[in-house]
Amino acid sequence: AENVELPLTYLDIKASEREERVSNILKR
């Protein structure tokens, strides 16, 4: 999850949205 989230961290996207996006892409 942290590996996938990394690009969003660099884009300064808030934590709740990062978590949701990571969850969605891992489901896919």
mmCIF file of all heavy atoms, coordinates in Angstrom:
data_MODEL
# 
_entry.id   MODEL 
# 
loop_
_atom_site.group_PDB 
_atom_site.id 
_atom_site.type_symbol 
_atom_site.label_atom_id 
_atom_site.label_alt_id 
_atom_site.label_comp_id 
_atom_site.label_asym_id 
_atom_site.label_entity_id 
_atom_site.label_seq_id 
_atom_site.pdbx_PDB_ins_code 
_atom_site.Cartn_x 
_atom_site.Cartn_y 
_atom_site.Cartn_z 
_atom_site.occupancy 
_atom_site.B_iso_or_equiv 
_atom_site.pdbx_formal_charge 
_atom_site.auth_seq_id 
_atom_site.auth_comp_id 
_atom_site.auth_asym_id 
_atom_site.auth_atom_id 
_atom_site.pdbx_PDB_model_num 
ATOM 1   N N   . ALA A 1 1  ? 0.829   -1.208 0.000   1.00 0.00 ? 1  ALA A N   1 
ATOM 2   C CA  . ALA A 1 1  ? 0.000   0.000  0.000   1.00 0.00 ? 1  ALA A CA  1 
ATOM 3   C C   . ALA A 1 1  ? 0.864   1.259  0.000   1.00 0.00 ? 1  ALA A C   1 
ATOM 4   O O   . ALA A 1 1  ? 0.573   2.231  -0.715  1.00 0.00 ? 1  ALA A O   1 
ATOM 5   C CB  . ALA A 1 1  ? -0.935  0.004  1.203   1.00 0.00 ? 1  ALA A CB  1 
ATOM 6   N N   . GLU A 1 2  ? 1.954   1.245  0.769   1.00 0.00 ? 2  GLU A N   1 
ATOM 7   C CA  . GLU A 1 2  ? 2.834   2.420  0.853   1.00 0.00 ? 2  GLU A CA  1 
ATOM 8   C C   . GLU A 1 2  ? 3.574   2.649  -0.462  1.00 0.00 ? 2  GLU A C   1 
ATOM 9   O O   . GLU A 1 2  ? 3.777   3.793  -0.882  1.00 0.00 ? 2  GLU A O   1 
ATOM 10  C CB  . GLU A 1 2  ? 3.830   2.241  2.004   1.00 0.00 ? 2  GLU A CB  1 
ATOM 11  C CG  . GLU A 1 2  ? 3.183   2.383  3.377   1.00 0.00 ? 2  GLU A CG  1 
ATOM 12  C CD  . GLU A 1 2  ? 4.065   1.871  4.509   1.00 0.00 ? 2  GLU A CD  1 
ATOM 13  O OE1 . GLU A 1 2  ? 5.043   1.126  4.249   1.00 0.00 ? 2  GLU A OE1 1 
ATOM 14  O OE2 . GLU A 1 2  ? 3.761   2.193  5.668   1.00 0.00 ? 2  GLU A OE2 1 
ATOM 15  N N   . ASN A 1 3  ? 3.986   1.564  -1.127  1.00 0.00 ? 3  ASN A N   1 
ATOM 16  C CA  . ASN A 1 3  ? 4.626   1.690  -2.436  1.00 0.00 ? 3  ASN A CA  1 
ATOM 17  C C   . ASN A 1 3  ? 3.689   2.340  -3.445  1.00 0.00 ? 3  ASN A C   1 
ATOM 18  O O   . ASN A 1 3  ? 4.083   3.242  -4.190  1.00 0.00 ? 3  ASN A O   1 
ATOM 19  C CB  . ASN A 1 3  ? 5.057   0.311  -2.953  1.00 0.00 ? 3  ASN A CB  1 
ATOM 20  C CG  . ASN A 1 3  ? 6.495   -0.029 -2.643  1.00 0.00 ? 3  ASN A CG  1 
ATOM 21  O OD1 . ASN A 1 3  ? 7.424   0.476  -3.273  1.00 0.00 ? 3  ASN A OD1 1 
ATOM 22  N ND2 . ASN A 1 3  ? 6.685   -0.894 -1.656  1.00 0.00 ? 3  ASN A ND2 1 
ATOM 23  N N   . VAL A 1 4  ? 2.454   1.876  -3.449  1.00 0.00 ? 4  VAL A N   1 
ATOM 24  C CA  . VAL A 1 4  ? 1.468   2.399  -4.409  1.00 0.00 ? 4  VAL A CA  1 
ATOM 25  C C   . VAL A 1 4  ? 1.136   3.862  -4.100  1.00 0.00 ? 4  VAL A C   1 
ATOM 26  O O   . VAL A 1 4  ? 0.944   4.680  -4.999  1.00 0.00 ? 4  VAL A O   1 
ATOM 27  C CB  . VAL A 1 4  ? 0.190   1.522  -4.389  1.00 0.00 ? 4  VAL A CB  1 
ATOM 28  C CG1 . VAL A 1 4  ? -0.907  2.126  -5.261  1.00 0.00 ? 4  VAL A CG1 1 
ATOM 29  C CG2 . VAL A 1 4  ? 0.517   0.107  -4.877  1.00 0.00 ? 4  VAL A CG2 1 
ATOM 30  N N   . GLU A 1 5  ? 1.101   4.190  -2.833  1.00 0.00 ? 5  GLU A N   1 
ATOM 31  C CA  . GLU A 1 5  ? 0.710   5.529  -2.392  1.00 0.00 ? 5  GLU A CA  1 
ATOM 32  C C   . GLU A 1 5  ? 1.777   6.597  -2.698  1.00 0.00 ? 5  GLU A C   1 
ATOM 33  O O   . GLU A 1 5  ? 1.469   7.790  -2.806  1.00 0.00 ? 5  GLU A O   1 
ATOM 34  C CB  . GLU A 1 5  ? 0.458   5.493  -0.877  1.00 0.00 ? 5  GLU A CB  1 
ATOM 35  C CG  . GLU A 1 5  ? -0.022  6.804  -0.281  1.00 0.00 ? 5  GLU A CG  1 
ATOM 36  C CD  . GLU A 1 5  ? -0.138  6.730  1.233   1.00 0.00 ? 5  GLU A CD  1 
ATOM 37  O OE1 . GLU A 1 5  ? 0.510   5.852  1.859   1.00 0.00 ? 5  GLU A OE1 1 
ATOM 38  O OE2 . GLU A 1 5  ? -0.882  7.547  1.792   1.00 0.00 ? 5  GLU A OE2 1 
ATOM 39  N N   . LEU A 1 6  ? 3.016   6.168  -2.853  1.00 0.00 ? 6  LEU A N   1 
ATOM 40  C CA  . LEU A 1 6  ? 4.154   7.090  -2.926  1.00 0.00 ? 6  LEU A CA  1 
ATOM 41  C C   . LEU A 1 6  ? 3.978   8.261  -3.900  1.00 0.00 ? 6  LEU A C   1 
ATOM 42  O O   . LEU A 1 6  ? 4.195   9.422  -3.528  1.00 0.00 ? 6  LEU A O   1 
ATOM 43  C CB  . LEU A 1 6  ? 5.420   6.294  -3.264  1.00 0.00 ? 6  LEU A CB  1 
ATOM 44  C CG  . LEU A 1 6  ? 6.744   6.864  -2.780  1.00 0.00 ? 6  LEU A CG  1 
ATOM 45  C CD1 . LEU A 1 6  ? 6.729   7.156  -1.290  1.00 0.00 ? 6  LEU A CD1 1 
ATOM 46  C CD2 . LEU A 1 6  ? 7.881   5.911  -3.124  1.00 0.00 ? 6  LEU A CD2 1 
ATOM 47  N N   . PRO A 1 7  ? 3.553   8.032  -5.160  1.00 0.00 ? 7  PRO A N   1 
ATOM 48  C CA  . PRO A 1 7  ? 3.409   9.170  -6.082  1.00 0.00 ? 7  PRO A CA  1 
ATOM 49  C C   . PRO A 1 7  ? 2.404   10.216 -5.589  1.00 0.00 ? 7  PRO A C   1 
ATOM 50  O O   . PRO A 1 7  ? 2.574   11.412 -5.844  1.00 0.00 ? 7  PRO A O   1 
ATOM 51  C CB  . PRO A 1 7  ? 2.922   8.526  -7.387  1.00 0.00 ? 7  PRO A CB  1 
ATOM 52  C CG  . PRO A 1 7  ? 3.317   7.099  -7.288  1.00 0.00 ? 7  PRO A CG  1 
ATOM 53  C CD  . PRO A 1 7  ? 3.250   6.758  -5.836  1.00 0.00 ? 7  PRO A CD  1 
ATOM 54  N N   . LEU A 1 8  ? 1.375   9.764  -4.878  1.00 0.00 ? 8  LEU A N   1 
ATOM 55  C CA  . LEU A 1 8  ? 0.356   10.699 -4.374  1.00 0.00 ? 8  LEU A CA  1 
ATOM 56  C C   . LEU A 1 8  ? 0.930   11.562 -3.257  1.00 0.00 ? 8  LEU A C   1 
ATOM 57  O O   . LEU A 1 8  ? 0.544   12.719 -3.097  1.00 0.00 ? 8  LEU A O   1 
ATOM 58  C CB  . LEU A 1 8  ? -0.864  9.935  -3.867  1.00 0.00 ? 8  LEU A CB  1 
ATOM 59  C CG  . LEU A 1 8  ? -1.590  9.050  -4.890  1.00 0.00 ? 8  LEU A CG  1 
ATOM 60  C CD1 . LEU A 1 8  ? -2.798  8.387  -4.235  1.00 0.00 ? 8  LEU A CD1 1 
ATOM 61  C CD2 . LEU A 1 8  ? -2.011  9.846  -6.114  1.00 0.00 ? 8  LEU A CD2 1 
ATOM 62  N N   . THR A 1 9  ? 1.852   10.996 -2.479  1.00 0.00 ? 9  THR A N   1 
ATOM 63  C CA  . THR A 1 9  ? 2.512   11.757 -1.414  1.00 0.00 ? 9  THR A CA  1 
ATOM 64  C C   . THR A 1 9  ? 3.279   12.927 -2.013  1.00 0.00 ? 9  THR A C   1 
ATOM 65  O O   . THR A 1 9  ? 3.232   14.053 -1.513  1.00 0.00 ? 9  THR A O   1 
ATOM 66  C CB  . THR A 1 9  ? 3.468   10.838 -0.628  1.00 0.00 ? 9  THR A CB  1 
ATOM 67  O OG1 . THR A 1 9  ? 2.758   9.660  -0.244  1.00 0.00 ? 9  THR A OG1 1 
ATOM 68  C CG2 . THR A 1 9  ? 3.995   11.516 0.620   1.00 0.00 ? 9  THR A CG2 1 
ATOM 69  N N   . TYR A 1 10 ? 3.979   12.652 -3.111  1.00 0.00 ? 10 TYR A N   1 
ATOM 70  C CA  . TYR A 1 10 ? 4.755   13.708 -3.780  1.00 0.00 ? 10 TYR A CA  1 
ATOM 71  C C   . TYR A 1 10 ? 3.853   14.779 -4.388  1.00 0.00 ? 10 TYR A C   1 
ATOM 72  O O   . TYR A 1 10 ? 4.279   15.910 -4.608  1.00 0.00 ? 10 TYR A O   1 
ATOM 73  C CB  . TYR A 1 10 ? 5.651   13.116 -4.872  1.00 0.00 ? 10 TYR A CB  1 
ATOM 74  C CG  . TYR A 1 10 ? 6.771   12.265 -4.350  1.00 0.00 ? 10 TYR A CG  1 
ATOM 75  C CD1 . TYR A 1 10 ? 7.037   11.005 -4.894  1.00 0.00 ? 10 TYR A CD1 1 
ATOM 76  C CD2 . TYR A 1 10 ? 7.577   12.706 -3.301  1.00 0.00 ? 10 TYR A CD2 1 
ATOM 77  C CE1 . TYR A 1 10 ? 8.073   10.220 -4.408  1.00 0.00 ? 10 TYR A CE1 1 
ATOM 78  C CE2 . TYR A 1 10 ? 8.615   11.924 -2.815  1.00 0.00 ? 10 TYR A CE2 1 
ATOM 79  C CZ  . TYR A 1 10 ? 8.859   10.685 -3.369  1.00 0.00 ? 10 TYR A CZ  1 
ATOM 80  O OH  . TYR A 1 10 ? 9.884   9.906  -2.884  1.00 0.00 ? 10 TYR A OH  1 
ATOM 81  N N   . LEU A 1 11 ? 2.610   14.409 -4.673  1.00 0.00 ? 11 LEU A N   1 
ATOM 82  C CA  . LEU A 1 11 ? 1.664   15.377 -5.267  1.00 0.00 ? 11 LEU A CA  1 
ATOM 83  C C   . LEU A 1 11 ? 0.880   16.139 -4.201  1.00 0.00 ? 11 LEU A C   1 
ATOM 84  O O   . LEU A 1 11 ? -0.038  16.898 -4.520  1.00 0.00 ? 11 LEU A O   1 
ATOM 85  C CB  . LEU A 1 11 ? 0.684   14.642 -6.201  1.00 0.00 ? 11 LEU A CB  1 
ATOM 86  C CG  . LEU A 1 11 ? 1.284   14.090 -7.501  1.00 0.00 ? 11 LEU A CG  1 
ATOM 87  C CD1 . LEU A 1 11 ? 0.289   13.171 -8.204  1.00 0.00 ? 11 LEU A CD1 1 
ATOM 88  C CD2 . LEU A 1 11 ? 1.724   15.207 -8.432  1.00 0.00 ? 11 LEU A CD2 1 
ATOM 89  N N   . ASP A 1 12 ? 1.231   15.908 -2.937  1.00 0.00 ? 12 ASP A N   1 
ATOM 90  C CA  . ASP A 1 12 ? 0.579   16.616 -1.813  1.00 0.00 ? 12 ASP A CA  1 
ATOM 91  C C   . ASP A 1 12 ? -0.928  16.385 -1.753  1.00 0.00 ? 12 ASP A C   1 
ATOM 92  O O   . ASP A 1 12 ? -1.701  17.298 -1.427  1.00 0.00 ? 12 ASP A O   1 
ATOM 93  C CB  . ASP A 1 12 ? 0.868   18.130 -1.878  1.00 0.00 ? 12 ASP A CB  1 
ATOM 94  C CG  . ASP A 1 12 ? 2.340   18.429 -1.668  1.00 0.00 ? 12 ASP A CG  1 
ATOM 95  O OD1 . ASP A 1 12 ? 2.991   17.684 -0.922  1.00 0.00 ? 12 ASP A OD1 1 
ATOM 96  O OD2 . ASP A 1 12 ? 2.832   19.397 -2.266  1.00 0.00 ? 12 ASP A OD2 1 
ATOM 97  N N   . ILE A 1 13 ? -1.349  15.179 -2.093  1.00 0.00 ? 13 ILE A N   1 
ATOM 98  C CA  . ILE A 1 13 ? -2.773  14.836 -2.006  1.00 0.00 ? 13 ILE A CA  1 
ATOM 99  C C   . ILE A 1 13 ? -3.077  14.420 -0.569  1.00 0.00 ? 13 ILE A C   1 
ATOM 100 O O   . ILE A 1 13 ? -2.299  13.704 0.064   1.00 0.00 ? 13 ILE A O   1 
ATOM 101 C CB  . ILE A 1 13 ? -3.110  13.716 -3.018  1.00 0.00 ? 13 ILE A CB  1 
ATOM 102 C CG1 . ILE A 1 13 ? -3.062  14.297 -4.435  1.00 0.00 ? 13 ILE A CG1 1 
ATOM 103 C CG2 . ILE A 1 13 ? -4.465  13.087 -2.732  1.00 0.00 ? 13 ILE A CG2 1 
ATOM 104 C CD1 . ILE A 1 13 ? -3.125  13.287 -5.545  1.00 0.00 ? 13 ILE A CD1 1 
ATOM 105 N N   . LYS A 1 14 ? -4.202  14.868 -0.052  1.00 0.00 ? 14 LYS A N   1 
ATOM 106 C CA  . LYS A 1 14 ? -4.505  14.632 1.376   1.00 0.00 ? 14 LYS A CA  1 
ATOM 107 C C   . LYS A 1 14 ? -4.663  13.137 1.669   1.00 0.00 ? 14 LYS A C   1 
ATOM 108 O O   . LYS A 1 14 ? -5.053  12.357 0.801   1.00 0.00 ? 14 LYS A O   1 
ATOM 109 C CB  . LYS A 1 14 ? -5.721  15.437 1.819   1.00 0.00 ? 14 LYS A CB  1 
ATOM 110 C CG  . LYS A 1 14 ? -7.008  15.101 1.117   1.00 0.00 ? 14 LYS A CG  1 
ATOM 111 C CD  . LYS A 1 14 ? -8.124  16.024 1.603   1.00 0.00 ? 14 LYS A CD  1 
ATOM 112 C CE  . LYS A 1 14 ? -9.451  15.608 0.955   1.00 0.00 ? 14 LYS A CE  1 
ATOM 113 N NZ  . LYS A 1 14 ? -10.550 16.485 1.337   1.00 0.00 ? 14 LYS A NZ  1 
ATOM 114 N N   . ALA A 1 15 ? -4.390  12.799 2.922   1.00 0.00 ? 15 ALA A N   1 
ATOM 115 C CA  . ALA A 1 15 ? -4.285  11.397 3.342   1.00 0.00 ? 15 ALA A CA  1 
ATOM 116 C C   . ALA A 1 15 ? -5.545  10.589 3.053   1.00 0.00 ? 15 ALA A C   1 
ATOM 117 O O   . ALA A 1 15 ? -5.473  9.448  2.594   1.00 0.00 ? 15 ALA A O   1 
ATOM 118 C CB  . ALA A 1 15 ? -3.937  11.321 4.822   1.00 0.00 ? 15 ALA A CB  1 
ATOM 119 N N   . SER A 1 16 ? -6.723  11.170 3.307   1.00 0.00 ? 16 SER A N   1 
ATOM 120 C CA  . SER A 1 16 ? -7.973  10.414 3.113   1.00 0.00 ? 16 SER A CA  1 
ATOM 121 C C   . SER A 1 16 ? -8.168  10.050 1.641   1.00 0.00 ? 16 SER A C   1 
ATOM 122 O O   . SER A 1 16 ? -8.589  8.934  1.315   1.00 0.00 ? 16 SER A O   1 
ATOM 123 C CB  . SER A 1 16 ? -9.168  11.212 3.626   1.00 0.00 ? 16 SER A CB  1 
ATOM 124 O OG  . SER A 1 16 ? -9.255  12.462 2.964   1.00 0.00 ? 16 SER A OG  1 
ATOM 125 N N   . GLU A 1 17 ? -7.823  10.979 0.740   1.00 0.00 ? 17 GLU A N   1 
ATOM 126 C CA  . GLU A 1 17 ? -7.969  10.683 -0.692  1.00 0.00 ? 17 GLU A CA  1 
ATOM 127 C C   . GLU A 1 17 ? -6.921  9.670  -1.144  1.00 0.00 ? 17 GLU A C   1 
ATOM 128 O O   . GLU A 1 17 ? -7.213  8.790  -1.959  1.00 0.00 ? 17 GLU A O   1 
ATOM 129 C CB  . GLU A 1 17 ? -7.850  11.964 -1.537  1.00 0.00 ? 17 GLU A CB  1 
ATOM 130 C CG  . GLU A 1 17 ? -8.171  11.694 -3.003  1.00 0.00 ? 17 GLU A CG  1 
ATOM 131 C CD  . GLU A 1 17 ? -8.024  12.914 -3.908  1.00 0.00 ? 17 GLU A CD  1 
ATOM 132 O OE1 . GLU A 1 17 ? -8.066  14.050 -3.398  1.00 0.00 ? 17 GLU A OE1 1 
ATOM 133 O OE2 . GLU A 1 17 ? -7.852  12.709 -5.114  1.00 0.00 ? 17 GLU A OE2 1 
ATOM 134 N N   . ARG A 1 18 ? -5.720  9.797  -0.589  1.00 0.00 ? 18 ARG A N   1 
ATOM 135 C CA  . ARG A 1 18 ? -4.661  8.828  -0.931  1.00 0.00 ? 18 ARG A CA  1 
ATOM 136 C C   . ARG A 1 18 ? -5.107  7.413  -0.568  1.00 0.00 ? 18 ARG A C   1 
ATOM 137 O O   . ARG A 1 18 ? -4.986  6.480  -1.356  1.00 0.00 ? 18 ARG A O   1 
ATOM 138 C CB  . ARG A 1 18 ? -3.354  9.163  -0.188  1.00 0.00 ? 18 ARG A CB  1 
ATOM 139 C CG  . ARG A 1 18 ? -2.696  10.452 -0.619  1.00 0.00 ? 18 ARG A CG  1 
ATOM 140 C CD  . ARG A 1 18 ? -1.204  10.471 -0.287  1.00 0.00 ? 18 ARG A CD  1 
ATOM 141 N NE  . ARG A 1 18 ? -0.866  10.164 1.079   1.00 0.00 ? 18 ARG A NE  1 
ATOM 142 C CZ  . ARG A 1 18 ? -0.690  11.058 2.049   1.00 0.00 ? 18 ARG A CZ  1 
ATOM 143 N NH1 . ARG A 1 18 ? -0.851  12.355 1.799   1.00 0.00 ? 18 ARG A NH1 1 
ATOM 144 N NH2 . ARG A 1 18 ? -0.363  10.678 3.276   1.00 0.00 ? 18 ARG A NH2 1 
ATOM 145 N N   . GLU A 1 19 ? -5.664  7.285  0.644   1.00 0.00 ? 19 GLU A N   1 
ATOM 146 C CA  . GLU A 1 19 ? -6.108  5.978  1.142   1.00 0.00 ? 19 GLU A CA  1 
ATOM 147 C C   . GLU A 1 19 ? -7.198  5.397  0.242   1.00 0.00 ? 19 GLU A C   1 
ATOM 148 O O   . GLU A 1 19 ? -7.172  4.205  -0.099  1.00 0.00 ? 19 GLU A O   1 
ATOM 149 C CB  . GLU A 1 19 ? -6.625  6.153  2.574   1.00 0.00 ? 19 GLU A CB  1 
ATOM 150 C CG  . GLU A 1 19 ? -6.807  4.847  3.317   1.00 0.00 ? 19 GLU A CG  1 
ATOM 151 C CD  . GLU A 1 19 ? -7.237  5.085  4.774   1.00 0.00 ? 19 GLU A CD  1 
ATOM 152 O OE1 . GLU A 1 19 ? -6.715  6.029  5.404   1.00 0.00 ? 19 GLU A OE1 1 
ATOM 153 O OE2 . GLU A 1 19 ? -8.098  4.335  5.227   1.00 0.00 ? 19 GLU A OE2 1 
ATOM 154 N N   . GLU A 1 20 ? -8.142  6.246  -0.154  1.00 0.00 ? 20 GLU A N   1 
ATOM 155 C CA  . GLU A 1 20 ? -9.239  5.779  -1.009  1.00 0.00 ? 20 GLU A CA  1 
ATOM 156 C C   . GLU A 1 20 ? -8.724  5.335  -2.382  1.00 0.00 ? 20 GLU A C   1 
ATOM 157 O O   . GLU A 1 20 ? -9.120  4.297  -2.904  1.00 0.00 ? 20 GLU A O   1 
ATOM 158 C CB  . GLU A 1 20 ? -10.268 6.910  -1.188  1.00 0.00 ? 20 GLU A CB  1 
ATOM 159 C CG  . GLU A 1 20 ? -11.512 6.462  -1.934  1.00 0.00 ? 20 GLU A CG  1 
ATOM 160 C CD  . GLU A 1 20 ? -12.530 7.594  -2.112  1.00 0.00 ? 20 GLU A CD  1 
ATOM 161 O OE1 . GLU A 1 20 ? -12.357 8.661  -1.494  1.00 0.00 ? 20 GLU A OE1 1 
ATOM 162 O OE2 . GLU A 1 20 ? -13.475 7.396  -2.884  1.00 0.00 ? 20 GLU A OE2 1 
ATOM 163 N N   . ARG A 1 21 ? -7.830  6.135  -2.953  1.00 0.00 ? 21 ARG A N   1 
ATOM 164 C CA  . ARG A 1 21 ? -7.294  5.794  -4.276  1.00 0.00 ? 21 ARG A CA  1 
ATOM 165 C C   . ARG A 1 21 ? -6.486  4.496  -4.242  1.00 0.00 ? 21 ARG A C   1 
ATOM 166 O O   . ARG A 1 21 ? -6.596  3.669  -5.152  1.00 0.00 ? 21 ARG A O   1 
ATOM 167 C CB  . ARG A 1 21 ? -6.402  6.935  -4.790  1.00 0.00 ? 21 ARG A CB  1 
ATOM 168 C CG  . ARG A 1 21 ? -7.185  8.112  -5.338  1.00 0.00 ? 21 ARG A CG  1 
ATOM 169 C CD  . ARG A 1 21 ? -6.402  8.719  -6.487  1.00 0.00 ? 21 ARG A CD  1 
ATOM 170 N NE  . ARG A 1 21 ? -6.515  10.153 -6.542  1.00 0.00 ? 21 ARG A NE  1 
ATOM 171 C CZ  . ARG A 1 21 ? -5.794  10.911 -7.351  1.00 0.00 ? 21 ARG A CZ  1 
ATOM 172 N NH1 . ARG A 1 21 ? -4.877  10.388 -8.121  1.00 0.00 ? 21 ARG A NH1 1 
ATOM 173 N NH2 . ARG A 1 21 ? -5.970  12.220 -7.381  1.00 0.00 ? 21 ARG A NH2 1 
ATOM 174 N N   . VAL A 1 22 ? -5.691  4.328  -3.195  1.00 0.00 ? 22 VAL A N   1 
ATOM 175 C CA  . VAL A 1 22 ? -4.889  3.100  -3.065  1.00 0.00 ? 22 VAL A CA  1 
ATOM 176 C C   . VAL A 1 22 ? -5.811  1.893  -2.923  1.00 0.00 ? 22 VAL A C   1 
ATOM 177 O O   . VAL A 1 22 ? -5.627  0.864  -3.582  1.00 0.00 ? 22 VAL A O   1 
ATOM 178 C CB  . VAL A 1 22 ? -3.920  3.191  -1.856  1.00 0.00 ? 22 VAL A CB  1 
ATOM 179 C CG1 . VAL A 1 22 ? -3.283  1.826  -1.577  1.00 0.00 ? 22 VAL A CG1 1 
ATOM 180 C CG2 . VAL A 1 22 ? -2.841  4.228  -2.126  1.00 0.00 ? 22 VAL A CG2 1 
ATOM 181 N N   . SER A 1 23 ? -6.825  2.020  -2.088  1.00 0.00 ? 23 SER A N   1 
ATOM 182 C CA  . SER A 1 23 ? -7.787  0.934  -1.891  1.00 0.00 ? 23 SER A CA  1 
ATOM 183 C C   . SER A 1 23 ? -8.464  0.548  -3.207  1.00 0.00 ? 23 SER A C   1 
ATOM 184 O O   . SER A 1 23 ? -8.574  -0.636 -3.545  1.00 0.00 ? 23 SER A O   1 
ATOM 185 C CB  . SER A 1 23 ? -8.832  1.371  -0.861  1.00 0.00 ? 23 SER A CB  1 
ATOM 186 O OG  . SER A 1 23 ? -9.863  0.424  -0.780  1.00 0.00 ? 23 SER A OG  1 
ATOM 187 N N   . ASN A 1 24 ? -8.875  1.561  -3.995  1.00 0.00 ? 24 ASN A N   1 
ATOM 188 C CA  . ASN A 1 24 ? -9.562  1.300  -5.266  1.00 0.00 ? 24 ASN A CA  1 
ATOM 189 C C   . ASN A 1 24 ? -8.666  0.600  -6.275  1.00 0.00 ? 24 ASN A C   1 
ATOM 190 O O   . ASN A 1 24 ? -9.075  -0.344 -6.951  1.00 0.00 ? 24 ASN A O   1 
ATOM 191 C CB  . ASN A 1 24 ? -10.093 2.610  -5.858  1.00 0.00 ? 24 ASN A CB  1 
ATOM 192 C CG  . ASN A 1 24 ? -11.264 3.161  -5.082  1.00 0.00 ? 24 ASN A CG  1 
ATOM 193 O OD1 . ASN A 1 24 ? -11.908 2.428  -4.323  1.00 0.00 ? 24 ASN A OD1 1 
ATOM 194 N ND2 . ASN A 1 24 ? -11.554 4.449  -5.244  1.00 0.00 ? 24 ASN A ND2 1 
ATOM 195 N N   . ILE A 1 25 ? -7.415  1.069  -6.379  1.00 0.00 ? 25 ILE A N   1 
ATOM 196 C CA  . ILE A 1 25 ? -6.528  0.491  -7.397  1.00 0.00 ? 25 ILE A CA  1 
ATOM 197 C C   . ILE A 1 25 ? -6.107  -0.929 -7.010  1.00 0.00 ? 25 ILE A C   1 
ATOM 198 O O   . ILE A 1 25 ? -5.989  -1.810 -7.863  1.00 0.00 ? 25 ILE A O   1 
ATOM 199 C CB  . ILE A 1 25 ? -5.295  1.387  -7.676  1.00 0.00 ? 25 ILE A CB  1 
ATOM 200 C CG1 . ILE A 1 25 ? -4.627  1.010  -9.007  1.00 0.00 ? 25 ILE A CG1 1 
ATOM 201 C CG2 . ILE A 1 25 ? -4.253  1.329  -6.585  1.00 0.00 ? 25 ILE A CG2 1 
ATOM 202 C CD1 . ILE A 1 25 ? -5.253  1.598  -10.212 1.00 0.00 ? 25 ILE A CD1 1 
ATOM 203 N N   . LEU A 1 26 ? -5.928  -1.185 -5.713  1.00 0.00 ? 26 LEU A N   1 
ATOM 204 C CA  . LEU A 1 26 ? -5.561  -2.542 -5.282  1.00 0.00 ? 26 LEU A CA  1 
ATOM 205 C C   . LEU A 1 26 ? -6.721  -3.520 -5.515  1.00 0.00 ? 26 LEU A C   1 
ATOM 206 O O   . LEU A 1 26 ? -6.498  -4.677 -5.873  1.00 0.00 ? 26 LEU A O   1 
ATOM 207 C CB  . LEU A 1 26 ? -5.135  -2.551 -3.812  1.00 0.00 ? 26 LEU A CB  1 
ATOM 208 C CG  . LEU A 1 26 ? -3.808  -1.848 -3.491  1.00 0.00 ? 26 LEU A CG  1 
ATOM 209 C CD1 . LEU A 1 26 ? -3.505  -1.924 -2.002  1.00 0.00 ? 26 LEU A CD1 1 
ATOM 210 C CD2 . LEU A 1 26 ? -2.657  -2.426 -4.299  1.00 0.00 ? 26 LEU A CD2 1 
ATOM 211 N N   . LYS A 1 27 ? -7.957  -3.021 -5.330  1.00 0.00 ? 27 LYS A N   1 
ATOM 212 C CA  . LYS A 1 27 ? -9.136  -3.865 -5.644  1.00 0.00 ? 27 LYS A CA  1 
ATOM 213 C C   . LYS A 1 27 ? -9.144  -4.202 -7.127  1.00 0.00 ? 27 LYS A C   1 
ATOM 214 O O   . LYS A 1 27 ? -9.381  -5.354 -7.523  1.00 0.00 ? 27 LYS A O   1 
ATOM 215 C CB  . LYS A 1 27 ? -10.420 -3.105 -5.291  1.00 0.00 ? 27 LYS A CB  1 
ATOM 216 C CG  . LYS A 1 27 ? -10.869 -3.289 -3.859  1.00 0.00 ? 27 LYS A CG  1 
ATOM 217 C CD  . LYS A 1 27 ? -12.198 -2.583 -3.613  1.00 0.00 ? 27 LYS A CD  1 
ATOM 218 C CE  . LYS A 1 27 ? -12.361 -2.331 -2.126  1.00 0.00 ? 27 LYS A CE  1 
ATOM 219 N NZ  . LYS A 1 27 ? -13.136 -1.133 -1.825  1.00 0.00 ? 27 LYS A NZ  1 
ATOM 220 N N   . ARG A 1 28 ? -8.883  -3.200 -7.939  1.00 0.00 ? 28 ARG A N   1 
ATOM 221 C CA  . ARG A 1 28 ? -8.900  -3.410 -9.392  1.00 0.00 ? 28 ARG A CA  1 
ATOM 222 C C   . ARG A 1 28 ? -7.856  -4.450 -9.815  1.00 0.00 ? 28 ARG A C   1 
ATOM 223 O O   . ARG A 1 28 ? -8.079  -5.222 -10.745 1.00 0.00 ? 28 ARG A O   1 
ATOM 224 C CB  . ARG A 1 28 ? -8.617  -2.085 -10.101 1.00 0.00 ? 28 ARG A CB  1 
ATOM 225 C CG  . ARG A 1 28 ? -8.515  -2.243 -11.598 1.00 0.00 ? 28 ARG A CG  1 
ATOM 226 C CD  . ARG A 1 28 ? -8.428  -0.935 -12.320 1.00 0.00 ? 28 ARG A CD  1 
ATOM 227 N NE  . ARG A 1 28 ? -8.416  -1.201 -13.748 1.00 0.00 ? 28 ARG A NE  1 
ATOM 228 C CZ  . ARG A 1 28 ? -8.494  -0.284 -14.663 1.00 0.00 ? 28 ARG A CZ  1 
ATOM 229 N NH1 . ARG A 1 28 ? -8.611  0.983  -14.334 1.00 0.00 ? 28 ARG A NH1 1 
ATOM 230 N NH2 . ARG A 1 28 ? -8.468  -0.610 -15.944 1.00 0.00 ? 28 ARG A NH2 1 
# 
